[in-house]
C-alpha atoms as a PDB file:
ATOM      1  CA  MET A   1     155.199 167.386  82.766  1.00  0.00           C
ATOM      2  CA  GLY A   2     156.686 163.875  82.405  1.00  0.00           C
ATOM      3  CA  ASP A   3     155.804 160.605  84.063  1.00  0.00           C
ATOM      4  CA  GLU A   4     158.438 160.857  86.738  1.00  0.00           C
ATOM      5  CA  GLU A   5     157.291 164.304  87.851  1.00  0.00           C
ATOM      6  CA  LEU A   6     153.607 163.303  87.825  1.00  0.00           C
ATOM      7  CA  VAL A   7     154.386 160.153  89.801  1.00  0.00           C
ATOM      8  CA  ARG A   8     156.443 162.098  92.339  1.00  0.00           C
ATOM      9  CA  LEU A   9     153.606 164.613  92.800  1.00  0.00           C
ATOM     10  CA  ALA A  10     150.995 161.848  93.033  1.00  0.00           C
ATOM     11  CA  GLN A  11     153.118 160.026  95.606  1.00  0.00           C
ATOM     12  CA  SER A  12     153.174 163.176  97.694  1.00  0.00           C
ATOM     13  CA  GLY A  13     149.369 163.303  97.639  1.00  0.00           C
ATOM     14  CA  ASP A  14     148.634 165.506  94.607  1.00  0.00           C
ATOM     15  CA  ALA A  15     145.299 164.137  93.328  1.00  0.00           C
ATOM     16  CA  ALA A  16     145.454 166.252  90.169  1.00  0.00           C
ATOM     17  CA  ALA A  17     148.771 164.637  89.237  1.00  0.00           C
ATOM     18  CA  TYR A  18     147.285 161.160  89.627  1.00  0.00           C
ATOM     19  CA  GLU A  19     144.248 162.208  87.574  1.00  0.00           C
ATOM     20  CA  GLU A  20     146.644 163.295  84.832  1.00  0.00           C
ATOM     21  CA  LEU A  21     148.363 159.893  84.965  1.00  0.00           C
ATOM     22  CA  VAL A  22     144.982 158.200  84.674  1.00  0.00           C
ATOM     23  CA  ARG A  23     144.112 160.407  81.706  1.00  0.00           C
ATOM     24  CA  LEU A  24     147.433 159.607  80.027  1.00  0.00           C
ATOM     25  CA  TYR A  25     147.176 155.857  80.505  1.00  0.00           C
ATOM     26  CA  GLN A  26     143.439 155.221  80.423  1.00  0.00           C
ATOM     27  CA  GLU A  27     143.389 154.193  76.756  1.00  0.00           C
ATOM     28  CA  PRO A  28     146.453 151.907  76.870  1.00  0.00           C
ATOM     29  CA  ALA A  29     145.112 150.336  80.078  1.00  0.00           C
ATOM     30  CA  PHE A  30     141.746 149.642  78.442  1.00  0.00           C
ATOM     31  CA  ARG A  31     143.400 148.187  75.335  1.00  0.00           C
ATOM     32  CA  ALA A  32     145.603 145.888  77.425  1.00  0.00           C
ATOM     33  CA  ALA A  33     142.604 144.693  79.434  1.00  0.00           C
ATOM     34  CA  TYR A  34     140.540 144.205  76.283  1.00  0.00           C
ATOM     35  CA  LEU A  35     143.269 142.084  74.687  1.00  0.00           C
ATOM     36  CA  VAL A  36     143.050 139.683  77.622  1.00  0.00           C
ATOM     37  CA  LEU A  37     139.306 139.760  78.285  1.00  0.00           C
ATOM     38  CA  ARG A  38     137.769 140.391  74.828  1.00  0.00           C
ATOM     39  CA  ASP A  39     134.838 142.097  76.543  1.00  0.00           C
ATOM     40  CA  ALA A  40     134.636 145.903  76.530  1.00  0.00           C
ATOM     41  CA  PRO A  41     132.598 146.463  79.718  1.00  0.00           C
ATOM     42  CA  GLU A  42     134.703 143.997  81.678  1.00  0.00           C
ATOM     43  CA  ALA A  43     137.895 145.541  80.259  1.00  0.00           C
ATOM     44  CA  GLU A  44     136.739 148.975  81.434  1.00  0.00           C
ATOM     45  CA  ASP A  45     136.093 147.570  84.907  1.00  0.00           C
ATOM     46  CA  ALA A  46     139.456 145.800  84.961  1.00  0.00           C
ATOM     47  CA  ALA A  47     141.295 148.966  83.903  1.00  0.00           C
ATOM     48  CA  GLN A  48     139.448 151.000  86.533  1.00  0.00           C
ATOM     49  CA  ASP A  49     140.240 148.473  89.263  1.00  0.00           C
ATOM     50  CA  ALA A  50     143.854 148.414  88.121  1.00  0.00           C
ATOM     51  CA  PHE A  51     144.068 152.198  88.499  1.00  0.00           C
ATOM     52  CA  VAL A  52     142.686 151.902  92.025  1.00  0.00           C
ATOM     53  CA  LYS A  53     145.263 149.209  92.845  1.00  0.00           C
ATOM     54  CA  ALA A  54     148.028 151.261  91.249  1.00  0.00           C
ATOM     55  CA  PHE A  55     147.043 154.257  93.344  1.00  0.00           C
ATOM     56  CA  SER A  56     147.196 152.130  96.494  1.00  0.00           C
ATOM     57  CA  ALA A  57     150.625 150.808  95.497  1.00  0.00           C
ATOM     58  CA  LEU A  58     152.005 154.065  94.142  1.00  0.00           C
ATOM     59  CA  HIS A  59     154.311 154.451  97.124  1.00  0.00           C
ATOM     60  CA  ARG A  60     156.171 151.311  95.932  1.00  0.00           C
ATOM     61  CA  PHE A  61     156.820 152.675  92.447  1.00  0.00           C
ATOM     62  CA  ARG A  62     160.448 153.816  92.204  1.00  0.00           C
ATOM     63  CA  THR A  63     161.638 155.323  88.919  1.00  0.00           C
ATOM     64  CA  GLY A  64     161.186 155.292  85.169  1.00  0.00           C
ATOM     65  CA  SER A  65     158.071 155.204  83.054  1.00  0.00           C
ATOM     66  CA  MET A  66     154.868 154.321  84.797  1.00  0.00           C
ATOM     67  CA  ARG A  67     153.471 152.652  81.681  1.00  0.00           C
ATOM     68  CA  PRO A  68     155.059 149.162  82.047  1.00  0.00           C
ATOM     69  CA  TRP A  69     154.372 149.092  85.786  1.00  0.00           C
ATOM     70  CA  LEU A  70     150.738 150.107  85.314  1.00  0.00           C
ATOM     71  CA  LEU A  71     150.166 147.762  82.386  1.00  0.00           C
ATOM     72  CA  LYS A  72     151.491 144.876  84.436  1.00  0.00           C
ATOM     73  CA  ILE A  73     148.866 145.673  87.075  1.00  0.00           C
ATOM     74  CA  VAL A  74     146.188 145.920  84.352  1.00  0.00           C
ATOM     75  CA  VAL A  75     147.160 142.612  82.768  1.00  0.00           C
ATOM     76  CA  ASN A  76     147.288 140.853  86.151  1.00  0.00           C
ATOM     77  CA  GLU A  77     143.851 142.234  87.049  1.00  0.00           C
ATOM     78  CA  SER A  78     142.526 141.135  83.657  1.00  0.00           C
ATOM     79  CA  LEU A  79     144.016 137.653  84.002  1.00  0.00           C
ATOM     80  CA  ASN A  80     142.468 137.317  87.460  1.00  0.00           C
ATOM     81  CA  ARG A  81     139.090 138.297  86.018  1.00  0.00           C
ATOM     82  CA  LEU A  82     139.524 135.856  83.148  1.00  0.00           C
ATOM     83  CA  LYS A  83     140.328 133.025  85.566  1.00  0.00           C
ATOM     84  CA  ALA A  84     137.314 133.956  87.698  1.00  0.00           C
ATOM     85  CA  ARG A  85     135.088 134.012  84.599  1.00  0.00           C
ATOM     86  CA  ARG A  86     136.344 130.581  83.557  1.00  0.00           C
ATOM     87  CA  ARG A  87     135.738 129.229  87.064  1.00  0.00           C
ATOM     88  CA  ARG A  88     132.191 130.632  87.050  1.00  0.00           C
ATOM     89  CA  VAL A  89     131.489 129.067  83.659  1.00  0.00           C
ATOM     90  CA  ALA A  90     132.974 125.731  84.741  1.00  0.00           C
ATOM     91  CA  VAL A  91     130.952 125.720  87.958  1.00  0.00           C
ATOM     92  CA  SER A  92     127.788 126.600  86.036  1.00  0.00           C
ATOM     93  CA  GLU A  93     128.424 123.831  83.539  1.00  0.00           C
ATOM     94  CA  ARG A  94     129.166 121.301  86.279  1.00  0.00           C
ATOM     95  CA  THR A  95     126.093 122.369  88.216  1.00  0.00           C
ATOM     96  CA  ALA A  96     123.909 122.102  85.124  1.00  0.00           C
ATOM     97  CA  ALA A  97     125.373 118.711  84.250  1.00  0.00           C
ATOM     98  CA  ALA A  98     125.022 117.488  87.831  1.00  0.00           C
ATOM     99  CA  GLY A  99     121.462 118.773  87.959  1.00  0.00           C
ATOM    100  CA  GLU A 100     120.585 116.982  84.744  1.00  0.00           C
ATOM    101  CA  HIS A 101     122.262 113.829  86.012  1.00  0.00           C
ATOM    102  CA  ALA A 102     120.645 114.095  89.429  1.00  0.00           C
ATOM    103  CA  ASP A 103     117.213 114.591  87.842  1.00  0.00           C
ATOM    104  CA  TRP A 104     117.839 111.695  85.482  1.00  0.00           C
ATOM    105  CA  THR A 105     118.953 109.528  88.395  1.00  0.00           C
ATOM    106  CA  LEU A 106     115.963 110.523  90.469  1.00  0.00           C
ATOM    107  CA  ASP A 107     113.466 110.346  87.626  1.00  0.00           C
ATOM    108  CA  GLU A 108     114.554 107.228  85.777  1.00  0.00           C
ATOM    109  CA  THR A 109     116.554 105.006  88.090  1.00  0.00           C
ATOM    110  CA  VAL A 110     115.514 105.537  91.667  1.00  0.00           C
ATOM    111  CA  ILE A 111     111.866 106.560  91.574  1.00  0.00           C
ATOM    112  CA  ASN A 112     109.306 107.676  89.054  1.00  0.00           C
ATOM    113  CA  ARG A 113     108.682 111.332  88.152  1.00  0.00           C
ATOM    114  CA  GLU A 114     105.761 111.757  90.500  1.00  0.00           C
ATOM    115  CA  GLN A 115     107.730 110.445  93.435  1.00  0.00           C
ATOM    116  CA  ALA A 116     110.695 112.637  92.432  1.00  0.00           C
ATOM    117  CA  TYR A 117     108.396 115.657  92.579  1.00  0.00           C
ATOM    118  CA  LEU A 118     107.002 114.605  95.950  1.00  0.00           C
ATOM    119  CA  LEU A 119     110.495 114.002  97.311  1.00  0.00           C
ATOM    120  CA  ARG A 120     111.586 117.484  96.214  1.00  0.00           C
ATOM    121  CA  GLN A 121     108.511 118.923  97.949  1.00  0.00           C
ATOM    122  CA  ALA A 122     109.308 116.978 101.131  1.00  0.00           C
ATOM    123  CA  LEU A 123     112.932 118.136 101.053  1.00  0.00           C
ATOM    124  CA  ASP A 124     111.783 121.735 100.599  1.00  0.00           C
ATOM    125  CA  ALA A 125     109.878 121.401 103.883  1.00  0.00           C
ATOM    126  CA  LEU A 126     113.139 120.789 105.794  1.00  0.00           C
ATOM    127  CA  LYS A 127     115.359 123.465 107.285  1.00  0.00           C
ATOM    128  CA  GLU A 128     118.039 124.637 104.887  1.00  0.00           C
ATOM    129  CA  GLN A 129     120.892 122.983 106.794  1.00  0.00           C
ATOM    130  CA  GLU A 130     119.039 119.660 106.918  1.00  0.00           C
ATOM    131  CA  ARG A 131     118.224 119.841 103.219  1.00  0.00           C
ATOM    132  CA  THR A 132     121.802 120.811 102.333  1.00  0.00           C
ATOM    133  CA  LEU A 133     123.171 117.933 104.393  1.00  0.00           C
ATOM    134  CA  ILE A 134     120.896 115.435 102.646  1.00  0.00           C
ATOM    135  CA  TYR A 135     121.670 116.859  99.206  1.00  0.00           C
ATOM    136  CA  LEU A 136     125.406 116.730  99.798  1.00  0.00           C
ATOM    137  CA  ARG A 137     125.349 113.227 101.276  1.00  0.00           C
ATOM    138  CA  PHE A 138     122.894 111.453  99.019  1.00  0.00           C
ATOM    139  CA  PHE A 139     122.717 113.446  95.793  1.00  0.00           C
ATOM    140  CA  LEU A 140     126.352 114.549  95.553  1.00  0.00           C
ATOM    141  CA  THR A 141     127.639 111.526  97.536  1.00  0.00           C
ATOM    142  CA  LEU A 142     130.011 113.358  99.847  1.00  0.00           C
ATOM    143  CA  SER A 143     131.464 111.134 102.528  1.00  0.00           C
ATOM    144  CA  GLU A 144     130.927 111.860 106.213  1.00  0.00           C
ATOM    145  CA  HIS A 145     134.524 113.055 106.393  1.00  0.00           C
ATOM    146  CA  GLU A 146     133.967 115.466 103.476  1.00  0.00           C
ATOM    147  CA  LEU A 147     130.767 116.687 105.096  1.00  0.00           C
ATOM    148  CA  ALA A 148     132.655 117.291 108.339  1.00  0.00           C
ATOM    149  CA  GLU A 149     135.134 119.458 106.416  1.00  0.00           C
ATOM    150  CA  TYR A 150     132.312 121.264 104.612  1.00  0.00           C
ATOM    151  CA  PHE A 151     130.416 122.079 107.814  1.00  0.00           C
ATOM    152  CA  GLY A 152     133.535 122.528 109.958  1.00  0.00           C
ATOM    153  CA  CYS A 153     132.601 120.014 112.636  1.00  0.00           C
ATOM    154  CA  PRO A 154     133.618 116.493 113.731  1.00  0.00           C
ATOM    155  CA  PRO A 155     132.363 113.458 111.771  1.00  0.00           C
ATOM    156  CA  GLY A 156     130.357 112.338 114.802  1.00  0.00           C
ATOM    157  CA  THR A 157     128.403 115.587 114.672  1.00  0.00           C
ATOM    158  CA  ILE A 158     127.693 114.954 110.998  1.00  0.00           C
ATOM    159  CA  LYS A 159     126.365 111.469 111.822  1.00  0.00           C
ATOM    160  CA  SER A 160     123.976 112.840 114.415  1.00  0.00           C
ATOM    161  CA  ARG A 161     122.867 115.771 112.224  1.00  0.00           C
ATOM    162  CA  LEU A 162     122.310 113.434 109.302  1.00  0.00           C
ATOM    163  CA  SER A 163     120.324 111.047 111.489  1.00  0.00           C
ATOM    164  CA  ARG A 164     118.125 113.917 112.718  1.00  0.00           C
ATOM    165  CA  ALA A 165     117.675 115.285 109.186  1.00  0.00           C
ATOM    166  CA  LEU A 166     116.600 111.874 107.884  1.00  0.00           C
ATOM    167  CA  ALA A 167     114.226 111.416 110.836  1.00  0.00           C
ATOM    168  CA  ARG A 168     112.740 114.833 110.092  1.00  0.00           C
ATOM    169  CA  LEU A 169     112.388 113.906 106.407  1.00  0.00           C
ATOM    170  CA  ARG A 170     110.572 110.694 107.413  1.00  0.00           C
ATOM    171  CA  GLN A 171     108.191 112.764 109.593  1.00  0.00           C
ATOM    172  CA  VAL A 172     107.453 115.156 106.723  1.00  0.00           C
ATOM    173  CA  VAL A 173     106.906 112.271 104.297  1.00  0.00           C
ATOM    174  CA  THR A 174     104.648 110.398 106.733  1.00  0.00           C
ATOM    175  CA  ARG A 175     102.628 113.512 107.559  1.00  0.00           C
ATOM    176  CA  ASP A 176     102.425 115.294 104.186  1.00  0.00           C
ATOM    177  CA  TYR A 177     103.312 112.740 101.494  1.00  0.00           C
ATOM    178  CA  PRO A 178     101.996 109.354 102.652  1.00  0.00           C
ATOM    179  CA  GLY A 179     102.087 107.947  99.090  1.00  0.00           C
ATOM    180  CA  LEU A 180     105.818 108.541  98.756  1.00  0.00           C
ATOM    181  CA  THR A 181     107.992 105.475  99.190  1.00  0.00           C
ATOM    182  CA  ILE A 182     111.624 105.935 100.100  1.00  0.00           C
ATOM    183  CA  GLY A 183     113.989 103.005  99.977  1.00  0.00           C
ATOM    184  CA  GLY A 184     111.238 100.417  99.801  1.00  0.00           C
ATOM    185  CA  THR A 185     109.355 101.775 102.819  1.00  0.00           C
ATOM    186  CA  GLN A 186     106.621 104.335 103.157  1.00  0.00           C
END
């Protein structure tokens, strides 16, 4: 049976016909994915996901050989995975670099190592949203406007949340870390 007949049967709901198409094109799909990704397990996943997408879109396939149509889906899936991998690597590298820089800034410029440790402990005592707000504002230097976009609220709300978070941090420092000085005050 040829491609066109198998596709026609698969389009009419014949699962065995689609399985035969998968069997016929599994190796070329893997090879195409591998050429883009250069990683066998990820290429297998990309090919598998491409077959799932092809099955969902099979009703749109019109005539001719399925091979070019399927391989286009495989290559697009592989390219999407490659872009996602590159984004993950870039984010990891930026996060690592920012973490190193933030630690360096905390440790060497702003306060000594002991105070940096105490400050981290004090920040860990805050609620996650308070801690995140302080990290974003003071360690990553997001503006109030950027914070408003991040949290999805008006800038005035950010000002009040930030004020409360800083007041809470002062309470924690005063209560649990009396030796910690922040901004010249204890």
